[in-house]
Amino acid sequence: MSENNCLCGCCAAKTPQYQVPTDDELTLAELPIGSSGRVVKIKPELRGRKKFADVGLVAGSELKVEAYAPFGGLMRVRVMESSMALHCADAENIVMKRSAEE
């Protein structure tokens, strides 16, 4: 097995990090309250990716930011017809494209 294809994860630090390529894309943590957008990419650094996929938070889904916790630890977003809370640190790993109607 080559060095870049190891299964233990030791090469993860050597892989380039995803960079947001354009000005109209931002992370979910950067969206203000009341804004909505479409998920462009979920970075591999996001912990619990399957948990978020189970509730519909996948590339292509539409999200709306409903609220931020008073001390900045959590945020509440609307995914499809349900509302969920997630850590702002996790939201930094979700790349969004702002909706055109805003």
C-alpha atoms as a PDB file:
ATOM      1  CA  MET A   1       0.000   0.000   0.000  1.00  0.00           C
ATOM      2  CA  SER A   2       1.429   3.406  -0.932  1.00  0.00           C
ATOM      3  CA  GLU A   3       2.060   6.157   1.583  1.00  0.00           C
ATOM      4  CA  ASN A   4      -0.887   8.296   0.418  1.00  0.00           C
ATOM      5  CA  ASN A   5      -3.406   5.455   0.612  1.00  0.00           C
ATOM      6  CA  CYS A   6      -2.889   4.269   4.187  1.00  0.00           C
ATOM      7  CA  LEU A   7      -5.947   3.319   6.200  1.00  0.00           C
ATOM      8  CA  CYS A   8      -4.720   4.451   9.599  1.00  0.00           C
ATOM      9  CA  GLY A   9      -5.183   8.184   8.905  1.00  0.00           C
ATOM     10  CA  CYS A  10      -1.577   9.180   9.467  1.00  0.00           C
ATOM     11  CA  CYS A  11      -1.465  10.778   6.002  1.00  0.00           C
ATOM     12  CA  ALA A  12      -4.477  12.988   6.658  1.00  0.00           C
ATOM     13  CA  ALA A  13      -2.251  15.923   7.630  1.00  0.00           C
ATOM     14  CA  LYS A  14      -0.415  15.633   4.301  1.00  0.00           C
ATOM     15  CA  THR A  15      -3.537  15.996   2.172  1.00  0.00           C
ATOM     16  CA  PRO A  16      -4.411  19.557   1.092  1.00  0.00           C
ATOM     17  CA  GLN A  17      -7.270  21.202   2.932  1.00  0.00           C
ATOM     18  CA  TYR A  18     -10.365  22.232   0.979  1.00  0.00           C
ATOM     19  CA  GLN A  19     -10.378  25.963   0.299  1.00  0.00           C
ATOM     20  CA  VAL A  20     -13.533  27.894  -0.508  1.00  0.00           C
ATOM     21  CA  PRO A  21     -12.903  28.883  -4.150  1.00  0.00           C
ATOM     22  CA  THR A  22     -15.246  31.834  -4.713  1.00  0.00           C
ATOM     23  CA  ASP A  23     -16.686  34.833  -2.901  1.00  0.00           C
ATOM     24  CA  ASP A  24     -20.279  33.587  -3.058  1.00  0.00           C
ATOM     25  CA  GLU A  25     -19.405  30.441  -1.086  1.00  0.00           C
ATOM     26  CA  LEU A  26     -18.961  30.507   2.665  1.00  0.00           C
ATOM     27  CA  THR A  27     -19.250  28.160   5.618  1.00  0.00           C
ATOM     28  CA  LEU A  28     -22.496  27.528   7.449  1.00  0.00           C
ATOM     29  CA  ALA A  29     -21.011  29.181  10.549  1.00  0.00           C
ATOM     30  CA  GLU A  30     -20.629  32.443   8.580  1.00  0.00           C
ATOM     31  CA  LEU A  31     -24.289  32.708   7.531  1.00  0.00           C
ATOM     32  CA  PRO A  32     -26.262  35.297   9.534  1.00  0.00           C
ATOM     33  CA  ILE A  33     -29.577  34.541  11.247  1.00  0.00           C
ATOM     34  CA  GLY A  34     -32.441  34.322   8.762  1.00  0.00           C
ATOM     35  CA  SER A  35     -30.176  33.540   5.803  1.00  0.00           C
ATOM     36  CA  SER A  36     -30.571  30.425   3.744  1.00  0.00           C
ATOM     37  CA  GLY A  37     -28.340  28.581   1.347  1.00  0.00           C
ATOM     38  CA  ARG A  38     -27.552  25.332  -0.396  1.00  0.00           C
ATOM     39  CA  VAL A  39     -24.887  22.900   0.845  1.00  0.00           C
ATOM     40  CA  VAL A  40     -22.056  22.730  -1.705  1.00  0.00           C
ATOM     41  CA  LYS A  41     -19.650  20.402   0.097  1.00  0.00           C
ATOM     42  CA  ILE A  42     -19.203  18.757   3.454  1.00  0.00           C
ATOM     43  CA  LYS A  43     -15.534  18.657   4.382  1.00  0.00           C
ATOM     44  CA  PRO A  44     -14.101  15.312   5.485  1.00  0.00           C
ATOM     45  CA  GLU A  45     -13.062  16.855   8.821  1.00  0.00           C
ATOM     46  CA  LEU A  46     -16.712  17.006   9.934  1.00  0.00           C
ATOM     47  CA  ARG A  47     -17.233  14.587  12.787  1.00  0.00           C
ATOM     48  CA  GLY A  48     -20.402  12.539  12.635  1.00  0.00           C
ATOM     49  CA  ARG A  49     -20.981  12.978   8.900  1.00  0.00           C
ATOM     50  CA  LYS A  50     -23.350  10.008   8.832  1.00  0.00           C
ATOM     51  CA  LYS A  51     -25.443  11.475  11.651  1.00  0.00           C
ATOM     52  CA  PHE A  52     -25.904  14.692   9.666  1.00  0.00           C
ATOM     53  CA  ALA A  53     -26.630  12.765   6.465  1.00  0.00           C
ATOM     54  CA  ASP A  54     -29.369  10.833   8.272  1.00  0.00           C
ATOM     55  CA  VAL A  55     -31.284  14.067   8.952  1.00  0.00           C
ATOM     56  CA  GLY A  56     -30.835  15.341   5.402  1.00  0.00           C
ATOM     57  CA  LEU A  57     -27.763  17.525   5.748  1.00  0.00           C
ATOM     58  CA  VAL A  58     -25.993  16.476   2.544  1.00  0.00           C
ATOM     59  CA  ALA A  59     -24.612  18.276  -0.501  1.00  0.00           C
ATOM     60  CA  GLY A  60     -27.479  19.910  -2.384  1.00  0.00           C
ATOM     61  CA  SER A  61     -29.827  20.332   0.580  1.00  0.00           C
ATOM     62  CA  GLU A  62     -31.295  23.730   1.457  1.00  0.00           C
ATOM     63  CA  LEU A  63     -30.633  25.105   4.971  1.00  0.00           C
ATOM     64  CA  LYS A  64     -31.828  28.156   6.882  1.00  0.00           C
ATOM     65  CA  VAL A  65     -30.070  29.571   9.949  1.00  0.00           C
ATOM     66  CA  GLU A  66     -32.652  30.115  12.681  1.00  0.00           C
ATOM     67  CA  ALA A  67     -30.618  31.164  15.732  1.00  0.00           C
ATOM     68  CA  TYR A  68     -27.264  31.208  17.486  1.00  0.00           C
ATOM     69  CA  ALA A  69     -26.780  30.349  21.157  1.00  0.00           C
ATOM     70  CA  PRO A  70     -26.044  33.382  23.378  1.00  0.00           C
ATOM     71  CA  PHE A  71     -22.451  32.361  24.062  1.00  0.00           C
ATOM     72  CA  GLY A  72     -21.645  31.105  20.547  1.00  0.00           C
ATOM     73  CA  GLY A  73     -21.327  27.362  21.094  1.00  0.00           C
ATOM     74  CA  LEU A  74     -24.371  26.123  19.205  1.00  0.00           C
ATOM     75  CA  MET A  75     -26.527  27.177  16.298  1.00  0.00           C
ATOM     76  CA  ARG A  76     -29.975  26.069  15.143  1.00  0.00           C
ATOM     77  CA  VAL A  77     -30.657  25.389  11.459  1.00  0.00           C
ATOM     78  CA  ARG A  78     -33.721  24.254   9.540  1.00  0.00           C
ATOM     79  CA  VAL A  79     -33.105  21.248   7.292  1.00  0.00           C
ATOM     80  CA  MET A  80     -36.096  20.297   5.160  1.00  0.00           C
ATOM     81  CA  GLU A  81     -39.024  20.309   7.633  1.00  0.00           C
ATOM     82  CA  SER A  82     -37.045  19.822  10.839  1.00  0.00           C
ATOM     83  CA  SER A  83     -34.924  22.032  13.035  1.00  0.00           C
ATOM     84  CA  MET A  84     -31.623  20.825  14.469  1.00  0.00           C
ATOM     85  CA  ALA A  85     -28.846  22.209  16.649  1.00  0.00           C
ATOM     86  CA  LEU A  86     -25.180  21.780  15.839  1.00  0.00           C
ATOM     87  CA  HIS A  87     -21.885  23.092  17.117  1.00  0.00           C
ATOM     88  CA  CYS A  88     -20.465  26.129  15.343  1.00  0.00           C
ATOM     89  CA  ALA A  89     -17.178  24.207  15.021  1.00  0.00           C
ATOM     90  CA  ASP A  90     -19.038  21.563  12.994  1.00  0.00           C
ATOM     91  CA  ALA A  91     -20.742  24.262  10.911  1.00  0.00           C
ATOM     92  CA  GLU A  92     -17.306  25.518   9.828  1.00  0.00           C
ATOM     93  CA  ASN A  93     -16.877  22.236   7.915  1.00  0.00           C
ATOM     94  CA  ILE A  94     -20.024  22.731   5.817  1.00  0.00           C
ATOM     95  CA  VAL A  95     -19.487  24.847   2.689  1.00  0.00           C
ATOM     96  CA  MET A  96     -22.589  26.758   1.574  1.00  0.00           C
ATOM     97  CA  LYS A  97     -23.700  28.863  -1.347  1.00  0.00           C
ATOM     98  CA  ARG A  98     -25.989  31.711  -0.342  1.00  0.00           C
ATOM     99  CA  SER A  99     -29.481  31.688  -1.843  1.00  0.00           C
ATOM    100  CA  ALA A 100     -30.141  34.158  -4.653  1.00  0.00           C
ATOM    101  CA  GLU A 101     -33.293  35.668  -3.125  1.00  0.00           C
ATOM    102  CA  GLU A 102     -31.329  37.385  -0.334  1.00  0.00           C
END
